[in-house]
Amino acid sequence: MDDKGQITRDGIRIYQEADFAGMHKAGKVAAQILDELAEHVFPGQTTAEIDRLIEEKVNAAGATSATIGYKGYQHASCISINHVVCHGIPGDKKLKDGDILNIDVTVIVDGWYGDTSRMYVAGKLSRKAERLIDVTHEALMRGIEVVKPGNTFGDIGYAIQTFVEANRMSVVRDFCGHGLGTVFHAPPNVLHYGRPGTGPVLEEGMFFTIEPMVNLGRPETKVLSDDWTAVTRDKSLSAQFEHSVGVTADGVDIFTLSPAGKFHPTYG
């Protein structure tokens, strides 16, 4: 335990009201960086160049990248293209027309972690990819809608899972959201599937990410030999959106809202 709050019996830290300001500041920096990337995603662009721009913007904001040096990782972002579910490593491969990609950025500002990801498209968006992105975005927002004291983490997972499966898509089980605040990853594991009324009870002052990964095909994934890149086993398209949130007295506070309203690739 430290001066940042008490820890529940489930190992989840409860932060104080004053701590919300720190999370907003960090979340806004991360979201602003993602806003500024939209014009840099196009056919022929490399993910290495996008990552270079992200690192440049993190430094310009006076922030620190949470991922450079994390467990040996050497990039300021994870960029996951098409059937890559998460943790895609930036490289020299050029984007093709119609590629969809998730860009995930985490920054540290004054000791607080801002963690968010969203989808982008290079060139023309196909109808099936657009539908996947729409369902994934709506699933995230439905999960966020049920965040309030007295509900459970199972309620969040249930809201996401039932919506996704009603649209004949699948929720990835192998990766989940997580607690954060003054640390990058902490309890609880925020599953994107579940049963109502199960799991820890939400309390005011809990900070965590909700970041559903949704596949057009089956939910199974595998991690490639680089020990980072996770892909769909059936090579179906995958999408993901992520917000960092805090539980308030009567609902939820989203720390990583897009300042320019660009959280969804067809917005703006």
Protein backbone atom coordinates (compact mmCIF):
# COMPACT_ATOMS: atom_id res chain seq x y z
CA MET A 1 0.00 0.00 0.00
CA ASP A 2 1.14 3.57 -0.63
CA ASP A 3 -0.23 7.09 -0.33
CA LYS A 4 -2.20 6.69 -3.56
CA GLY A 5 -5.03 4.81 -1.91
CA GLN A 6 -6.26 1.62 -0.29
CA ILE A 7 -6.22 -1.84 -1.85
CA THR A 8 -9.38 -3.95 -1.91
CA ARG A 9 -9.53 -7.61 -0.98
CA ASP A 10 -9.31 -8.39 -4.71
CA GLY A 11 -5.97 -6.55 -4.93
CA ILE A 12 -7.49 -3.59 -6.77
CA ARG A 13 -6.25 -0.16 -5.77
CA ILE A 14 -8.78 2.52 -4.88
CA TYR A 15 -7.53 5.96 -5.89
CA GLN A 16 -8.57 9.29 -4.41
CA GLU A 17 -10.70 12.00 -6.02
CA ALA A 18 -7.64 14.19 -6.58
CA ASP A 19 -5.98 11.41 -8.59
CA PHE A 20 -8.52 11.70 -11.40
CA ALA A 21 -6.82 14.91 -12.58
CA GLY A 22 -3.51 13.09 -13.10
CA MET A 23 -5.20 10.38 -15.12
CA HIS A 24 -7.00 12.94 -17.25
CA LYS A 25 -3.74 14.70 -18.02
CA ALA A 26 -1.97 11.50 -19.05
CA GLY A 27 -4.97 10.23 -20.98
CA LYS A 28 -5.32 13.46 -22.90
CA VAL A 29 -1.67 13.36 -24.00
CA ALA A 30 -2.06 9.81 -25.31
CA ALA A 31 -5.35 10.62 -27.06
CA GLN A 32 -3.94 13.80 -28.60
CA ILE A 33 -1.04 11.84 -30.08
CA LEU A 34 -3.45 9.35 -31.65
CA ASP A 35 -5.53 12.24 -33.04
CA GLU A 36 -2.44 13.61 -34.79
CA LEU A 37 -1.63 10.26 -36.41
CA ALA A 38 -4.70 10.05 -38.64
CA GLU A 39 -3.10 11.99 -41.51
CA HIS A 40 -0.01 9.78 -41.38
CA VAL A 41 -1.85 6.50 -42.03
CA PHE A 42 -2.01 5.86 -45.78
CA PRO A 43 -1.00 3.23 -48.37
CA GLY A 44 2.79 3.13 -48.73
CA GLN A 45 3.44 4.36 -45.19
CA THR A 46 5.47 2.10 -42.90
CA THR A 47 4.55 1.31 -39.33
CA ALA A 48 8.16 2.08 -38.35
CA GLU A 49 7.64 5.67 -39.54
CA ILE A 50 4.36 5.92 -37.63
CA ASP A 51 6.13 4.68 -34.50
CA ARG A 52 8.94 7.20 -35.03
CA LEU A 53 6.35 9.97 -35.20
CA ILE A 54 4.72 8.70 -32.01
CA GLU A 55 8.01 8.72 -30.11
CA GLU A 56 8.67 12.24 -31.39
CA LYS A 57 5.25 13.41 -30.21
CA VAL A 58 5.61 11.72 -26.81
CA ASN A 59 8.88 13.55 -26.25
CA ALA A 60 7.48 16.85 -27.52
CA ALA A 61 4.66 16.57 -24.98
CA GLY A 62 7.17 16.19 -22.16
CA ALA A 63 5.88 12.69 -21.51
CA THR A 64 7.63 9.31 -21.34
CA SER A 65 6.80 6.23 -23.39
CA ALA A 66 5.65 3.41 -21.13
CA THR A 67 6.46 0.73 -23.70
CA ILE A 68 10.07 1.56 -24.65
CA GLY A 69 12.09 -0.78 -22.47
CA TYR A 70 9.02 -2.59 -21.09
CA LYS A 71 10.01 -6.28 -20.87
CA GLY A 72 12.60 -5.60 -23.57
CA TYR A 73 10.18 -3.95 -26.01
CA GLN A 74 11.84 -1.17 -28.00
CA HIS A 75 9.01 0.83 -29.57
CA ALA A 76 6.70 3.68 -28.55
CA SER A 77 3.62 1.85 -29.81
CA CYS A 78 2.12 -1.45 -30.82
CA ILE A 79 0.70 -1.41 -34.35
CA SER A 80 -1.47 -4.38 -35.29
CA ILE A 81 -2.52 -4.80 -38.93
CA ASN A 82 -5.48 -6.83 -40.27
CA HIS A 83 -5.32 -10.29 -38.64
CA VAL A 84 -2.87 -9.16 -35.96
CA VAL A 85 -4.90 -9.06 -32.76
CA CYS A 86 -2.50 -7.04 -30.59
CA HIS A 87 1.16 -6.31 -29.80
CA GLY A 88 2.16 -5.89 -33.43
CA ILE A 89 5.75 -4.66 -33.71
CA PRO A 90 6.38 -1.59 -35.93
CA GLY A 91 8.57 -2.39 -38.95
CA ASP A 92 9.46 -1.56 -42.53
CA LYS A 93 6.53 -3.27 -44.22
CA LYS A 94 4.41 -0.77 -46.16
CA LEU A 95 0.68 -0.40 -45.59
CA LYS A 96 -1.54 -1.49 -48.46
CA ASP A 97 -4.80 0.05 -49.61
CA GLY A 98 -7.60 -1.26 -47.40
CA ASP A 99 -5.38 -2.33 -44.48
CA ILE A 100 -6.91 -1.74 -41.07
CA LEU A 101 -4.65 -1.21 -38.09
CA ASN A 102 -4.86 -0.69 -34.36
CA ILE A 103 -2.37 1.75 -32.86
CA ASP A 104 -1.84 1.41 -29.11
CA VAL A 105 0.03 4.10 -27.18
CA THR A 106 0.79 4.41 -23.47
CA VAL A 107 2.46 7.46 -21.98
CA ILE A 108 3.59 8.43 -18.50
CA VAL A 109 2.86 11.99 -17.39
CA ASP A 110 3.86 13.05 -13.86
CA GLY A 111 3.85 9.40 -12.82
CA TRP A 112 0.38 8.63 -14.23
CA TYR A 113 -0.24 6.22 -17.11
CA GLY A 114 -2.42 7.09 -20.10
CA ASP A 115 -3.25 4.00 -22.18
CA THR A 116 -5.44 4.02 -25.27
CA SER A 117 -5.76 2.48 -28.71
CA ARG A 118 -7.96 2.94 -31.72
CA MET A 119 -8.45 1.74 -35.28
CA TYR A 120 -7.22 3.39 -38.48
CA VAL A 121 -7.57 2.54 -42.15
CA ALA A 122 -5.05 2.98 -44.97
CA GLY A 123 -6.96 4.03 -48.07
CA LYS A 124 -10.44 2.66 -48.77
CA LEU A 125 -12.25 0.80 -46.02
CA SER A 126 -13.95 -2.43 -47.12
CA ARG A 127 -17.53 -3.08 -46.00
CA LYS A 128 -16.64 -6.12 -43.90
CA ALA A 129 -13.79 -4.27 -42.18
CA GLU A 130 -16.05 -1.28 -41.55
CA ARG A 131 -18.65 -3.51 -39.93
CA LEU A 132 -15.99 -5.16 -37.73
CA ILE A 133 -14.71 -1.75 -36.62
CA ASP A 134 -18.23 -0.48 -35.93
CA VAL A 135 -19.12 -3.53 -33.83
CA THR A 136 -15.86 -3.35 -31.89
CA HIS A 137 -16.29 0.34 -31.13
CA GLU A 138 -19.89 -0.14 -30.04
CA ALA A 139 -18.86 -3.12 -27.87
CA LEU A 140 -16.35 -0.95 -26.03
CA MET A 141 -18.91 1.78 -25.43
CA ARG A 142 -21.49 -0.75 -24.20
CA GLY A 143 -18.92 -2.09 -21.75
CA ILE A 144 -18.18 1.42 -20.51
CA GLU A 145 -21.90 2.18 -20.10
CA VAL A 146 -22.27 -0.38 -17.33
CA VAL A 147 -19.35 0.96 -15.28
CA LYS A 148 -20.69 2.32 -12.00
CA PRO A 149 -20.39 1.44 -8.32
CA GLY A 150 -22.24 -1.74 -7.41
CA ASN A 151 -21.97 -3.38 -10.83
CA THR A 152 -19.33 -6.05 -11.41
CA PHE A 153 -16.54 -6.71 -13.87
CA GLY A 154 -18.62 -9.64 -15.11
CA ASP A 155 -21.30 -7.14 -16.10
CA ILE A 156 -18.76 -5.34 -18.31
CA GLY A 157 -17.69 -8.56 -20.01
CA TYR A 158 -21.28 -9.69 -20.49
CA ALA A 159 -22.28 -6.41 -22.15
CA ILE A 160 -19.39 -6.70 -24.60
CA GLN A 161 -19.70 -10.41 -25.32
CA THR A 162 -23.44 -10.50 -25.92
CA PHE A 163 -23.32 -7.56 -28.34
CA VAL A 164 -20.37 -8.97 -30.30
CA GLU A 165 -21.81 -12.47 -30.56
CA ALA A 166 -25.23 -11.12 -31.58
CA ASN A 167 -23.37 -9.67 -34.57
CA ARG A 168 -21.84 -13.08 -35.36
CA MET A 169 -18.32 -12.09 -34.40
CA SER A 170 -16.13 -13.35 -31.57
CA VAL A 171 -14.44 -11.86 -28.52
CA VAL A 172 -10.78 -12.72 -27.96
CA ARG A 173 -10.32 -14.58 -24.65
CA ASP A 174 -6.52 -14.64 -24.52
CA PHE A 175 -6.00 -10.93 -23.75
CA CYS A 176 -7.84 -8.52 -21.50
CA GLY A 177 -7.94 -5.07 -19.99
CA HIS A 178 -6.13 -4.22 -16.76
CA GLY A 179 -5.88 -1.93 -13.81
CA LEU A 180 -3.58 1.07 -14.13
CA GLY A 181 -2.84 4.40 -12.50
CA THR A 182 0.63 4.95 -11.12
CA VAL A 183 1.59 1.57 -12.64
CA PHE A 184 1.19 0.22 -16.18
CA HIS A 185 -0.48 -3.09 -15.35
CA ALA A 186 -2.21 -3.99 -12.09
CA PRO A 187 -5.23 -5.96 -10.89
CA PRO A 188 -7.90 -6.53 -12.00
CA ASN A 189 -7.89 -8.44 -15.26
CA VAL A 190 -10.77 -6.89 -17.18
CA LEU A 191 -12.26 -9.71 -19.24
CA HIS A 192 -14.33 -8.84 -22.31
CA TYR A 193 -16.67 -11.78 -21.78
CA GLY A 194 -18.44 -13.02 -18.68
CA ARG A 195 -21.61 -13.51 -16.70
CA PRO A 196 -23.64 -10.80 -14.99
CA GLY A 197 -23.02 -10.36 -11.28
CA THR A 198 -19.67 -12.17 -11.28
CA GLY A 199 -16.18 -10.91 -10.52
CA PRO A 200 -15.11 -8.05 -8.24
CA VAL A 201 -17.63 -5.31 -7.48
CA LEU A 202 -16.89 -1.90 -8.99
CA GLU A 203 -16.06 0.81 -6.47
CA GLU A 204 -15.48 4.54 -6.80
CA GLY A 205 -11.78 5.23 -7.40
CA MET A 206 -10.96 2.11 -9.44
CA PHE A 207 -8.92 2.88 -12.59
CA PHE A 208 -8.65 0.36 -15.44
CA THR A 209 -8.70 -0.16 -19.20
CA ILE A 210 -11.45 -1.71 -21.27
CA GLU A 211 -10.03 -2.84 -24.61
CA PRO A 212 -12.06 -5.51 -26.42
CA MET A 213 -10.43 -7.37 -29.29
CA VAL A 214 -13.03 -8.65 -31.75
CA ASN A 215 -12.47 -11.12 -34.60
CA LEU A 216 -14.55 -11.62 -37.74
CA GLY A 217 -13.86 -15.33 -37.39
CA ARG A 218 -13.10 -17.52 -34.42
CA PRO A 219 -11.67 -16.16 -31.13
CA GLU A 220 -8.50 -18.28 -30.95
CA THR A 221 -5.12 -16.55 -31.21
CA LYS A 222 -1.48 -17.54 -31.35
CA VAL A 223 1.69 -15.62 -30.52
CA LEU A 224 4.39 -15.56 -33.20
CA SER A 225 8.05 -16.46 -32.69
CA ASP A 226 8.93 -12.85 -31.82
CA ASP A 227 7.09 -13.50 -28.50
CA TRP A 228 4.97 -10.38 -28.96
CA THR A 229 2.79 -10.44 -32.07
CA ALA A 230 -0.58 -12.14 -31.48
CA VAL A 231 -2.60 -13.14 -34.56
CA THR A 232 -5.92 -14.83 -35.24
CA ARG A 233 -5.42 -18.55 -35.78
CA ASP A 234 -7.87 -18.57 -38.69
CA LYS A 235 -6.32 -15.39 -40.20
CA SER A 236 -9.61 -13.53 -39.91
CA LEU A 237 -9.59 -9.76 -39.46
CA SER A 238 -9.36 -8.40 -35.91
CA ALA A 239 -10.11 -4.99 -34.44
CA GLN A 240 -9.66 -3.31 -31.06
CA PHE A 241 -10.50 -0.07 -29.26
CA GLU A 242 -9.23 0.89 -25.81
CA HIS A 243 -10.11 3.54 -23.25
CA SER A 244 -8.74 4.12 -19.77
CA VAL A 245 -11.56 4.82 -17.32
CA GLY A 246 -12.20 5.58 -13.68
CA VAL A 247 -15.23 4.69 -11.57
CA THR A 248 -16.95 7.79 -10.17
CA ALA A 249 -19.55 8.09 -7.40
CA ASP A 250 -22.37 7.58 -9.86
CA GLY A 251 -20.83 6.29 -13.09
CA VAL A 252 -17.67 6.43 -15.16
CA ASP A 253 -15.04 8.96 -16.23
CA ILE A 254 -13.25 8.29 -19.55
CA PHE A 255 -9.67 9.56 -19.35
CA THR A 256 -8.69 9.00 -23.00
CA LEU A 257 -11.43 10.74 -24.97
CA SER A 258 -10.26 12.07 -28.33
CA PRO A 259 -9.82 15.86 -28.10
CA ALA A 260 -10.67 16.14 -31.81
CA GLY A 261 -13.45 13.55 -31.85
CA LYS A 262 -11.37 11.15 -33.99
CA PHE A 263 -11.61 8.02 -31.85
CA HIS A 264 -13.38 6.16 -34.66
CA PRO A 265 -11.71 6.22 -38.13
CA THR A 266 -14.88 7.37 -39.91
CA TYR A 267 -15.46 10.28 -37.49
CA GLY A 268 -14.57 13.85 -38.34
